[in-house]
Amino acid sequence: MINKINFKKSNGLVPVIIQDSTTCKVLMLAYMNEAAFLKTMETKLVTFYSRSRKELWIKGETSGNFLKMQSIKLDCDQDTLLIKVIPTGPVCHTGTDTCFEEENKADGFLYQLEKVIQDRKNEDEGKSYTASLFKKGINKIAQKVGEEAVELVIESKDDNKDLFLNEAADLMYHYLVLLAAKDFKLEDVVDVLKSRQK
């Protein structure tokens, strides 16, 4: 890839957009020269070129909040990089998650569904199916997860796409209910998965 990057366009530097590989939040913008790019590829820890200090710096070498590189993409003009990372802590030097004062949390549908489930859990007079599950307790919720898992396994052996996807959705929903019943969040599971990435 390095032969395709146009470092000459901006006096040896290219802007680098840093994005969380899990949440897809943009975390920061910095610059790389050729040496910083090569160091990043070698160590898998994102390394930038400091325009003020005129030297390379590994993001996190002082704070311990490293950016573990997951992928690098070059834009259509070949003069900007998009690096997807796993951050090991707050990214901004001010201590915030991002340099744009945003929380680094996912905004996808599953997280929205998780919030709805949590709201149902907290309802005193809730009459929804979700609220009724919480009222029946952890044993019933865990049983439902087991039932849905078995049903998904059964459907996976057939070729009915609709039935398989519906059972997969049922399992996912009841799994989120179980997490909420145990006072955990999907993000907690994501953190475990992140920690297993090499």
Protein backbone atom coordinates (compact mmCIF):
# COMPACT_ATOMS: atom_id res chain seq x y z
CA MET A 1 0.00 0.00 0.00
CA ILE A 2 2.81 2.42 0.82
CA ASN A 3 3.67 2.84 -2.87
CA LYS A 4 0.14 4.09 -3.54
CA ILE A 5 0.06 6.76 -0.80
CA ASN A 6 0.69 10.26 -2.12
CA PHE A 7 2.98 11.71 0.57
CA LYS A 8 4.26 14.40 -1.82
CA LYS A 9 0.94 16.22 -2.09
CA SER A 10 1.23 17.82 1.38
CA ASN A 11 4.96 18.06 1.98
CA GLY A 12 5.45 14.45 3.01
CA LEU A 13 2.39 14.16 5.24
CA VAL A 14 -1.06 12.64 4.88
CA PRO A 15 -4.05 13.20 7.18
CA VAL A 16 -5.19 10.13 9.09
CA ILE A 17 -8.75 9.62 10.31
CA ILE A 18 -8.90 7.32 13.33
CA GLN A 19 -12.13 5.35 13.75
CA ASP A 20 -13.12 2.83 16.43
CA SER A 21 -13.48 -0.54 14.70
CA THR A 22 -16.35 -1.57 17.00
CA THR A 23 -18.42 1.57 17.53
CA CYS A 24 -17.50 3.23 14.19
CA LYS A 25 -17.07 6.56 16.02
CA VAL A 26 -14.44 8.90 14.60
CA LEU A 27 -11.93 9.35 17.41
CA MET A 28 -9.37 11.82 16.12
CA LEU A 29 -7.45 13.25 13.17
CA ALA A 30 -3.66 13.36 12.96
CA TYR A 31 -0.88 13.09 10.38
CA MET A 32 1.58 10.47 9.19
CA ASN A 33 4.71 10.62 7.14
CA GLU A 34 6.19 7.55 5.48
CA ALA A 35 8.20 6.58 8.57
CA ALA A 36 5.12 6.78 10.82
CA PHE A 37 3.18 4.60 8.38
CA LEU A 38 5.93 1.98 8.32
CA LYS A 39 6.20 2.01 12.13
CA THR A 40 2.44 1.53 12.41
CA MET A 41 2.55 -1.42 10.02
CA GLU A 42 5.46 -2.96 11.93
CA THR A 43 4.14 -2.59 15.50
CA LYS A 44 0.36 -2.53 14.85
CA LEU A 45 0.27 0.45 17.24
CA VAL A 46 -0.75 3.65 15.48
CA THR A 47 2.18 6.04 15.14
CA PHE A 48 1.88 9.64 13.97
CA TYR A 49 4.17 12.45 12.92
CA SER A 50 4.03 15.46 15.25
CA ARG A 51 4.08 18.64 13.18
CA SER A 52 4.94 20.76 16.22
CA ARG A 53 7.72 18.56 17.62
CA LYS A 54 8.92 17.37 14.20
CA GLU A 55 9.16 13.76 15.33
CA LEU A 56 7.31 10.43 15.37
CA TRP A 57 5.06 9.63 18.31
CA ILE A 58 3.28 6.42 19.17
CA LYS A 59 -0.18 7.33 20.34
CA GLY A 60 -0.34 6.21 23.97
CA GLU A 61 3.39 6.04 24.67
CA THR A 62 2.93 8.56 27.50
CA SER A 63 -0.67 7.94 28.60
CA GLY A 64 -0.82 4.19 28.01
CA ASN A 65 -3.91 4.74 25.83
CA PHE A 66 -2.67 3.03 22.69
CA LEU A 67 -4.51 2.63 19.39
CA LYS A 68 -4.32 -0.98 18.23
CA MET A 69 -4.55 -1.00 14.45
CA GLN A 70 -7.18 -3.27 12.91
CA SER A 71 -7.19 -2.06 9.30
CA ILE A 72 -5.94 0.72 7.04
CA LYS A 73 -7.70 2.07 3.96
CA LEU A 74 -6.55 4.64 1.44
CA ASP A 75 -9.06 7.13 0.02
CA CYS A 76 -9.88 7.63 -3.66
CA ASP A 77 -7.36 10.49 -4.07
CA GLN A 78 -4.64 8.42 -2.38
CA ASP A 79 -3.82 11.21 0.05
CA THR A 80 -5.86 10.37 3.18
CA LEU A 81 -5.84 7.27 5.38
CA LEU A 82 -8.68 5.74 7.39
CA ILE A 83 -7.36 3.58 10.22
CA LYS A 84 -9.78 1.45 12.23
CA VAL A 85 -8.51 0.77 15.74
CA ILE A 86 -9.23 -0.69 19.12
CA PRO A 87 -8.47 2.08 21.64
CA THR A 88 -7.14 0.99 25.03
CA GLY A 89 -8.49 4.09 26.78
CA PRO A 90 -9.59 7.69 26.19
CA VAL A 91 -8.15 9.01 22.94
CA CYS A 92 -8.00 12.78 23.50
CA HIS A 93 -5.21 14.34 25.55
CA THR A 94 -7.94 16.06 27.59
CA GLY A 95 -9.12 12.68 28.85
CA THR A 96 -12.28 12.42 26.74
CA ASP A 97 -13.17 9.39 24.61
CA THR A 98 -12.72 11.30 21.36
CA CYS A 99 -11.19 14.58 20.24
CA PHE A 100 -14.71 15.72 19.30
CA GLU A 101 -16.14 15.48 22.84
CA GLU A 102 -18.29 12.46 22.01
CA GLU A 103 -18.78 9.32 24.04
CA ASN A 104 -17.27 6.37 22.23
CA LYS A 105 -20.38 4.22 22.31
CA ALA A 106 -22.10 2.35 19.54
CA ASP A 107 -25.36 3.81 18.23
CA GLY A 108 -26.61 0.81 16.26
CA PHE A 109 -29.97 -0.90 16.40
CA LEU A 110 -28.92 -3.56 18.92
CA TYR A 111 -27.90 -0.85 21.37
CA GLN A 112 -31.23 0.90 20.85
CA LEU A 113 -33.05 -2.39 21.45
CA GLU A 114 -30.97 -2.90 24.57
CA LYS A 115 -32.16 0.47 25.87
CA VAL A 116 -35.81 -0.46 25.22
CA ILE A 117 -35.29 -3.72 27.11
CA GLN A 118 -33.73 -1.83 30.02
CA ASP A 119 -36.67 0.58 30.05
CA ARG A 120 -39.09 -2.38 30.19
CA LYS A 121 -37.10 -3.85 33.07
CA ASN A 122 -37.55 -0.64 35.05
CA GLU A 123 -41.32 -0.38 34.46
CA ASP A 124 -43.36 -0.98 37.60
CA GLU A 125 -46.62 -1.66 35.81
CA GLY A 126 -45.25 -2.85 32.49
CA LYS A 127 -47.53 -5.21 30.60
CA SER A 128 -45.24 -5.93 27.68
CA TYR A 129 -43.81 -9.38 27.00
CA THR A 130 -40.38 -8.11 28.03
CA ALA A 131 -41.65 -6.76 31.35
CA SER A 132 -43.45 -10.06 32.02
CA LEU A 133 -40.18 -11.95 31.49
CA PHE A 134 -38.41 -9.82 34.08
CA LYS A 135 -41.25 -10.41 36.55
CA LYS A 136 -40.87 -14.19 36.13
CA GLY A 137 -37.24 -13.98 37.16
CA ILE A 138 -33.82 -15.14 36.05
CA ASN A 139 -34.68 -18.85 35.86
CA LYS A 140 -37.44 -18.26 33.30
CA ILE A 141 -35.28 -15.87 31.28
CA ALA A 142 -32.37 -18.32 31.20
CA GLN A 143 -34.77 -21.12 30.22
CA LYS A 144 -36.06 -19.03 27.30
CA VAL A 145 -32.49 -18.44 26.07
CA GLY A 146 -31.89 -22.18 26.17
CA GLU A 147 -35.13 -22.93 24.32
CA GLU A 148 -34.39 -20.36 21.62
CA ALA A 149 -30.84 -21.68 21.21
CA VAL A 150 -32.14 -25.21 20.67
CA GLU A 151 -34.75 -23.96 18.17
CA LEU A 152 -32.03 -22.10 16.26
CA VAL A 153 -29.87 -25.24 16.11
CA ILE A 154 -32.84 -27.22 14.77
CA GLU A 155 -33.61 -24.61 12.10
CA SER A 156 -29.95 -24.41 11.07
CA LYS A 157 -30.18 -28.00 9.85
CA ASP A 158 -32.97 -27.13 7.41
CA ASP A 159 -33.01 -24.80 4.41
CA ASN A 160 -35.80 -22.46 5.47
CA LYS A 161 -34.11 -19.06 5.54
CA ASP A 162 -37.07 -17.23 7.14
CA LEU A 163 -37.45 -19.69 10.01
CA PHE A 164 -33.71 -19.67 10.66
CA LEU A 165 -33.52 -15.85 10.76
CA ASN A 166 -36.59 -15.60 12.98
CA GLU A 167 -35.11 -18.06 15.47
CA ALA A 168 -31.80 -16.17 15.34
CA ALA A 169 -33.67 -12.95 16.13
CA ASP A 170 -35.55 -14.64 19.00
CA LEU A 171 -32.28 -15.89 20.49
CA MET A 172 -30.64 -12.48 20.16
CA TYR A 173 -33.58 -10.75 21.84
CA HIS A 174 -33.75 -13.19 24.76
CA TYR A 175 -29.96 -13.02 25.12
CA LEU A 176 -30.20 -9.23 25.54
CA VAL A 177 -32.95 -9.73 28.13
CA LEU A 178 -30.70 -12.16 30.02
CA LEU A 179 -27.83 -9.66 29.98
CA ALA A 180 -30.13 -6.97 31.39
CA ALA A 181 -31.43 -9.36 34.05
CA LYS A 182 -27.83 -9.96 35.14
CA ASP A 183 -27.16 -6.17 35.11
CA PHE A 184 -24.74 -6.39 32.20
CA LYS A 185 -24.73 -4.63 28.86
CA LEU A 186 -23.84 -5.70 25.34
CA GLU A 187 -20.86 -3.38 25.63
CA ASP A 188 -19.50 -5.51 28.49
CA VAL A 189 -19.50 -8.54 26.20
CA VAL A 190 -17.91 -6.50 23.41
CA ASP A 191 -15.14 -5.48 25.81
CA VAL A 192 -14.40 -9.15 26.53
CA LEU A 193 -14.29 -9.90 22.81
CA LYS A 194 -12.00 -6.92 22.24
CA SER A 195 -9.63 -8.17 24.93
CA ARG A 196 -9.27 -11.45 23.05
CA GLN A 197 -8.12 -9.76 19.85
CA LYS A 198 -4.42 -10.17 19.20
